[in-house]
C-alpha atoms as a PDB file:
ATOM      1  CA  MET A   1      -0.081  -0.047   0.060  1.00  0.00           C
ATOM      2  CA  ALA A   2       1.323   3.371  -0.970  1.00  0.00           C
ATOM      3  CA  ALA A   3       2.348   5.773   1.874  1.00  0.00           C
ATOM      4  CA  ASP A   4      -0.162   8.407   0.742  1.00  0.00           C
ATOM      5  CA  ASP A   5      -2.952   5.799   0.782  1.00  0.00           C
ATOM      6  CA  LEU A   6      -1.933   4.678   4.328  1.00  0.00           C
ATOM      7  CA  ASP A   7      -1.856   8.163   5.569  1.00  0.00           C
ATOM      8  CA  GLN A   8      -5.359   8.836   4.375  1.00  0.00           C
ATOM      9  CA  LEU A   9      -6.406   5.537   5.973  1.00  0.00           C
ATOM     10  CA  TRP A  10      -4.794   6.696   9.353  1.00  0.00           C
ATOM     11  CA  GLN A  11      -6.751  10.076   9.014  1.00  0.00           C
ATOM     12  CA  ALA A  12      -9.973   8.404   8.288  1.00  0.00           C
ATOM     13  CA  PHE A  13      -9.338   5.982  11.185  1.00  0.00           C
ATOM     14  CA  SER A  14      -8.768   8.894  13.480  1.00  0.00           C
ATOM     15  CA  ARG A  15     -12.109  10.493  12.233  1.00  0.00           C
ATOM     16  CA  GLY A  16     -13.795   7.436  13.414  1.00  0.00           C
ATOM     17  CA  GLU A  17     -14.743   6.210   9.880  1.00  0.00           C
ATOM     18  CA  ALA A  18     -15.671   2.340  10.307  1.00  0.00           C
ATOM     19  CA  PRO A  19     -14.399   1.388   6.783  1.00  0.00           C
ATOM     20  CA  ALA A  20     -10.932   2.753   7.673  1.00  0.00           C
ATOM     21  CA  ARG A  21     -11.032   0.804  10.952  1.00  0.00           C
ATOM     22  CA  GLU A  22     -12.012  -2.329   9.194  1.00  0.00           C
ATOM     23  CA  ARG A  23      -9.374  -1.958   6.462  1.00  0.00           C
ATOM     24  CA  LEU A  24      -6.543  -1.210   8.977  1.00  0.00           C
ATOM     25  CA  LEU A  25      -7.580  -4.195  11.079  1.00  0.00           C
ATOM     26  CA  ALA A  26      -7.465  -6.414   8.089  1.00  0.00           C
ATOM     27  CA  LEU A  27      -4.058  -5.035   7.145  1.00  0.00           C
ATOM     28  CA  TYR A  28      -2.642  -5.736  10.518  1.00  0.00           C
ATOM     29  CA  TYR A  29      -4.617  -8.917  11.371  1.00  0.00           C
ATOM     30  CA  GLU A  30      -1.476 -11.090  11.246  1.00  0.00           C
ATOM     31  CA  GLU A  31       0.482  -8.799  13.620  1.00  0.00           C
ATOM     32  CA  PHE A  32      -2.461  -8.807  16.023  1.00  0.00           C
ATOM     33  CA  ARG A  33      -2.416 -12.633  15.985  1.00  0.00           C
ATOM     34  CA  GLY A  34       1.274 -12.548  16.798  1.00  0.00           C
ATOM     35  CA  ILE A  35       0.545 -10.019  19.715  1.00  0.00           C
ATOM     36  CA  ALA A  36      -2.308 -12.372  20.904  1.00  0.00           C
ATOM     37  CA  ARG A  37       0.006 -15.445  20.745  1.00  0.00           C
ATOM     38  CA  ARG A  38       2.631 -13.595  22.825  1.00  0.00           C
ATOM     39  CA  VAL A  39       0.132 -12.368  25.409  1.00  0.00           C
ATOM     40  CA  LEU A  40      -1.517 -15.786  25.790  1.00  0.00           C
ATOM     41  CA  ASN A  41       1.864 -17.602  25.622  1.00  0.00           C
ATOM     42  CA  GLY A  42       0.656 -21.106  25.727  1.00  0.00           C
ATOM     43  CA  ASP A  43      -2.126 -20.410  28.365  1.00  0.00           C
ATOM     44  CA  SER A  44      -5.123 -20.238  26.022  1.00  0.00           C
ATOM     45  CA  GLY A  45      -6.179 -23.845  26.614  1.00  0.00           C
ATOM     46  CA  ARG A  46      -6.458 -23.187  30.322  1.00  0.00           C
ATOM     47  CA  MET A  47      -8.735 -20.147  29.660  1.00  0.00           C
ATOM     48  CA  HIS A  48     -10.568 -21.543  26.577  1.00  0.00           C
ATOM     49  CA  LEU A  49      -9.300 -18.420  24.731  1.00  0.00           C
ATOM     50  CA  GLN A  50      -7.418 -18.736  21.551  1.00  0.00           C
ATOM     51  CA  PRO A  51      -5.334 -16.122  19.962  1.00  0.00           C
ATOM     52  CA  THR A  52      -7.860 -15.864  17.097  1.00  0.00           C
ATOM     53  CA  ASP A  53     -10.645 -15.248  19.713  1.00  0.00           C
ATOM     54  CA  LEU A  54      -8.712 -12.531  21.358  1.00  0.00           C
ATOM     55  CA  VAL A  55      -7.938 -10.897  18.096  1.00  0.00           C
ATOM     56  CA  HIS A  56     -11.624 -10.988  16.995  1.00  0.00           C
ATOM     57  CA  GLU A  57     -13.087  -9.788  20.261  1.00  0.00           C
ATOM     58  CA  ALA A  58     -10.465  -6.863  20.296  1.00  0.00           C
ATOM     59  CA  ALA A  59     -11.269  -6.038  16.683  1.00  0.00           C
ATOM     60  CA  ILE A  60     -14.900  -5.984  17.402  1.00  0.00           C
ATOM     61  CA  ARG A  61     -14.249  -3.584  20.340  1.00  0.00           C
ATOM     62  CA  MET A  62     -12.150  -1.322  18.132  1.00  0.00           C
ATOM     63  CA  ILE A  63     -14.679  -1.171  15.303  1.00  0.00           C
ATOM     64  CA  HIS A  64     -17.490  -0.180  17.763  1.00  0.00           C
ATOM     65  CA  SER A  65     -15.476   2.199  19.868  1.00  0.00           C
ATOM     66  CA  SER A  66     -15.646   5.958  19.257  1.00  0.00           C
ATOM     67  CA  GLY A  67     -12.822   8.247  19.881  1.00  0.00           C
ATOM     68  CA  LEU A  68      -9.886   6.034  18.888  1.00  0.00           C
ATOM     69  CA  ALA A  69      -7.167   7.896  16.986  1.00  0.00           C
ATOM     70  CA  ALA A  70      -3.929   6.487  15.668  1.00  0.00           C
ATOM     71  CA  GLY A  71      -1.536   8.442  13.448  1.00  0.00           C
ATOM     72  CA  ASP A  72       0.872   5.576  12.467  1.00  0.00           C
ATOM     73  CA  GLN A  73       1.575   1.931  12.832  1.00  0.00           C
ATOM     74  CA  SER A  74       3.097   2.192  16.237  1.00  0.00           C
ATOM     75  CA  HIS A  75       0.264   4.075  17.701  1.00  0.00           C
ATOM     76  CA  PHE A  76      -2.200   1.686  16.111  1.00  0.00           C
ATOM     77  CA  LEU A  77      -0.476  -1.325  17.501  1.00  0.00           C
ATOM     78  CA  ALA A  78      -0.267   0.173  20.964  1.00  0.00           C
ATOM     79  CA  LEU A  79      -3.897   0.946  20.869  1.00  0.00           C
ATOM     80  CA  ALA A  80      -4.590  -2.619  19.671  1.00  0.00           C
ATOM     81  CA  ALA A  81      -2.472  -3.939  22.573  1.00  0.00           C
ATOM     82  CA  ARG A  82      -4.443  -1.843  24.977  1.00  0.00           C
ATOM     83  CA  VAL A  83      -7.715  -3.214  23.716  1.00  0.00           C
ATOM     84  CA  MET A  84      -6.480  -6.745  23.764  1.00  0.00           C
ATOM     85  CA  ARG A  85      -5.320  -6.158  27.339  1.00  0.00           C
ATOM     86  CA  THR A  86      -8.797  -5.056  28.409  1.00  0.00           C
ATOM     87  CA  THR A  87     -10.279  -7.901  26.486  1.00  0.00           C
ATOM     88  CA  LEU A  88      -8.037 -10.489  28.171  1.00  0.00           C
ATOM     89  CA  ILE A  89      -8.770  -9.090  31.633  1.00  0.00           C
ATOM     90  CA  ASP A  90     -12.496  -9.178  31.070  1.00  0.00           C
ATOM     91  CA  GLU A  91     -11.970 -12.839  29.852  1.00  0.00           C
ATOM     92  CA  VAL A  92      -9.919 -13.769  32.928  1.00  0.00           C
ATOM     93  CA  ARG A  93     -12.610 -12.229  35.255  1.00  0.00           C
ATOM     94  CA  ARG A  94     -15.404 -13.976  33.403  1.00  0.00           C
ATOM     95  CA  HIS A  95     -13.463 -17.262  33.625  1.00  0.00           C
ATOM     96  CA  LYS A  96     -12.721 -16.838  37.289  1.00  0.00           C
ATOM     97  CA  ALA A  97     -16.387 -15.942  38.102  1.00  0.00           C
ATOM     98  CA  ALA A  98     -17.401 -19.125  36.099  1.00  0.00           C
ATOM     99  CA  LYS A  99     -15.056 -21.423  37.911  1.00  0.00           C
ATOM    100  CA  ARG A 100     -14.389 -19.642  41.271  1.00  0.00           C
ATOM    101  CA  GLY A 101     -10.855 -20.280  40.969  1.00  0.00           C
ATOM    102  CA  GLY A 102      -7.524 -18.533  40.098  1.00  0.00           C
ATOM    103  CA  ASP A 103      -6.109 -18.252  36.666  1.00  0.00           C
ATOM    104  CA  VAL A 104      -2.424 -17.736  36.256  1.00  0.00           C
ATOM    105  CA  MET A 105      -0.472 -17.051  33.132  1.00  0.00           C
ATOM    106  CA  THR A 106       3.056 -17.564  32.279  1.00  0.00           C
ATOM    107  CA  LEU A 107       4.656 -14.115  31.520  1.00  0.00           C
ATOM    108  CA  MET A 108       7.035 -13.605  28.651  1.00  0.00           C
ATOM    109  CA  THR A 109      10.459 -14.772  29.739  1.00  0.00           C
ATOM    110  CA  ASP A 110      12.207 -11.408  29.601  1.00  0.00           C
ATOM    111  CA  PHE A 111       9.732 -10.135  32.190  1.00  0.00           C
ATOM    112  CA  ALA A 112       9.849 -12.925  34.736  1.00  0.00           C
ATOM    113  CA  ASP A 113      11.810 -16.087  35.041  1.00  0.00           C
ATOM    114  CA  ALA A 114      10.581 -18.728  32.834  1.00  0.00           C
ATOM    115  CA  ALA A 115       9.095 -20.786  35.596  1.00  0.00           C
ATOM    116  CA  THR A 116       7.274 -17.826  36.996  1.00  0.00           C
ATOM    117  CA  GLU A 117       3.424 -17.790  36.776  1.00  0.00           C
ATOM    118  CA  LEU A 118       1.506 -14.746  37.725  1.00  0.00           C
ATOM    119  CA  ASP A 119      -2.076 -13.910  37.952  1.00  0.00           C
ATOM    120  CA  ILE A 120      -2.800 -11.812  34.868  1.00  0.00           C
ATOM    121  CA  GLU A 121      -5.439  -9.755  36.732  1.00  0.00           C
ATOM    122  CA  SER A 122      -2.990  -9.017  39.452  1.00  0.00           C
ATOM    123  CA  PHE A 123      -0.347  -8.171  36.964  1.00  0.00           C
ATOM    124  CA  ASP A 124      -2.829  -5.760  35.140  1.00  0.00           C
ATOM    125  CA  GLY A 125      -3.843  -4.103  38.484  1.00  0.00           C
ATOM    126  CA  THR A 126      -0.215  -3.587  39.341  1.00  0.00           C
ATOM    127  CA  LEU A 127       0.426  -2.148  35.883  1.00  0.00           C
ATOM    128  CA  ASP A 128      -2.313   0.400  36.565  1.00  0.00           C
ATOM    129  CA  LYS A 129      -0.652   1.203  39.762  1.00  0.00           C
ATOM    130  CA  LEU A 130       2.692   1.752  37.917  1.00  0.00           C
ATOM    131  CA  ALA A 131       0.898   4.070  35.350  1.00  0.00           C
ATOM    132  CA  ARG A 132      -0.120   6.280  38.395  1.00  0.00           C
ATOM    133  CA  VAL A 133       3.530   6.512  39.573  1.00  0.00           C
ATOM    134  CA  ASP A 134       5.299   6.588  36.081  1.00  0.00           C
ATOM    135  CA  ALA A 135       3.052   6.674  33.004  1.00  0.00           C
ATOM    136  CA  ASP A 136       6.058   6.275  30.748  1.00  0.00           C
ATOM    137  CA  ALA A 137       7.344   3.229  32.357  1.00  0.00           C
ATOM    138  CA  ALA A 138       3.883   1.603  32.301  1.00  0.00           C
ATOM    139  CA  ARG A 139       3.515   2.370  28.681  1.00  0.00           C
ATOM    140  CA  ILE A 140       6.929   0.701  28.025  1.00  0.00           C
ATOM    141  CA  VAL A 141       5.787  -2.440  29.866  1.00  0.00           C
ATOM    142  CA  GLU A 142       2.565  -2.383  27.904  1.00  0.00           C
ATOM    143  CA  LEU A 143       4.306  -2.057  24.560  1.00  0.00           C
ATOM    144  CA  ARG A 144       6.787  -4.736  25.417  1.00  0.00           C
ATOM    145  CA  PHE A 145       4.576  -7.273  27.059  1.00  0.00           C
ATOM    146  CA  TYR A 146       1.323  -6.798  25.112  1.00  0.00           C
ATOM    147  CA  THR A 147       2.607  -5.683  21.806  1.00  0.00           C
ATOM    148  CA  GLY A 148       5.889  -7.478  21.797  1.00  0.00           C
ATOM    149  CA  LEU A 149       7.792  -4.424  20.422  1.00  0.00           C
ATOM    150  CA  THR A 150      11.511  -4.519  20.723  1.00  0.00           C
ATOM    151  CA  MET A 151      13.528  -1.836  22.773  1.00  0.00           C
ATOM    152  CA  PRO A 152      14.305   0.007  19.572  1.00  0.00           C
ATOM    153  CA  GLU A 153      10.783  -0.019  18.285  1.00  0.00           C
ATOM    154  CA  ILE A 154       9.588   1.230  21.615  1.00  0.00           C
ATOM    155  CA  ALA A 155      12.312   3.929  21.443  1.00  0.00           C
ATOM    156  CA  ILE A 156      11.012   5.100  18.079  1.00  0.00           C
ATOM    157  CA  SER A 157       7.449   4.908  19.244  1.00  0.00           C
ATOM    158  CA  MET A 158       7.998   7.008  22.302  1.00  0.00           C
ATOM    159  CA  ASP A 159      10.582   9.250  20.767  1.00  0.00           C
ATOM    160  CA  LEU A 160      13.176   8.237  23.420  1.00  0.00           C
ATOM    161  CA  SER A 161      16.702   7.004  23.227  1.00  0.00           C
ATOM    162  CA  GLU A 162      17.132   3.181  23.280  1.00  0.00           C
ATOM    163  CA  ARG A 163      19.237   3.583  26.426  1.00  0.00           C
ATOM    164  CA  THR A 164      16.520   5.482  28.116  1.00  0.00           C
ATOM    165  CA  VAL A 165      13.854   2.893  27.295  1.00  0.00           C
ATOM    166  CA  HIS A 166      16.133   0.056  28.432  1.00  0.00           C
ATOM    167  CA  ARG A 167      16.639   1.801  31.725  1.00  0.00           C
ATOM    168  CA  ARG A 168      13.057   2.502  32.359  1.00  0.00           C
ATOM    169  CA  TRP A 169      12.057  -1.140  31.264  1.00  0.00           C
ATOM    170  CA  GLN A 170      14.608  -2.493  33.807  1.00  0.00           C
ATOM    171  CA  THR A 171      13.224  -0.059  36.516  1.00  0.00           C
ATOM    172  CA  ALA A 172       9.493  -0.767  35.737  1.00  0.00           C
ATOM    173  CA  ARG A 173      10.170  -4.547  35.579  1.00  0.00           C
ATOM    174  CA  ALA A 174      11.867  -4.560  39.055  1.00  0.00           C
ATOM    175  CA  TRP A 175       9.169  -2.389  40.469  1.00  0.00           C
ATOM    176  CA  LEU A 176       6.298  -4.585  39.146  1.00  0.00           C
ATOM    177  CA  LEU A 177       8.058  -7.837  40.337  1.00  0.00           C
ATOM    178  CA  LYS A 178       8.589  -6.414  43.799  1.00  0.00           C
ATOM    179  CA  GLU A 179       4.982  -5.092  44.008  1.00  0.00           C
ATOM    180  CA  MET A 180       3.716  -8.468  42.956  1.00  0.00           C
ATOM    181  CA  GLN A 181       6.229 -10.115  45.443  1.00  0.00           C
ATOM    182  CA  VAL A 182       7.783 -12.273  42.949  1.00  0.00           C
ATOM    183  CA  VAL A 183      11.324 -11.535  43.543  1.00  0.00           C
END
């Protein structure tokens, strides 16, 4: 797709035009599935939620939401990650209510030790708490954990140096693990 066409699509998306939302969702569908696979990280069977289901539910929410604006791919993927995050948390809560038990998920290995399993709902609440303390650090965690962006991609997305992003990631990671009493 030509850059001019894509720019027009981003503008139409930001104006809330449903056809633009649908077109962008179709263009980035495979990337969304990759995000969903990383987020679910092998835990989909336990929650009866497959990556495709998570992508479809998030896409439906994005199509029917008003006030969504994204000027480029990195903002769009960050927005999609946020929608997937809320979709996943809603699913975890629904699943917990249905079985009156606790669900844990294995977090990506660069966040916690490979054997560490954390309650995703607790992780989400702790991430919200971090956002109140340091919004940029929380955004870095969200982009890394939910979107799977690399440090260089996060640096570009947030207009920060890679070194700053890496330092904030390490600090946020340590803070989250301490708050969740995993360390």
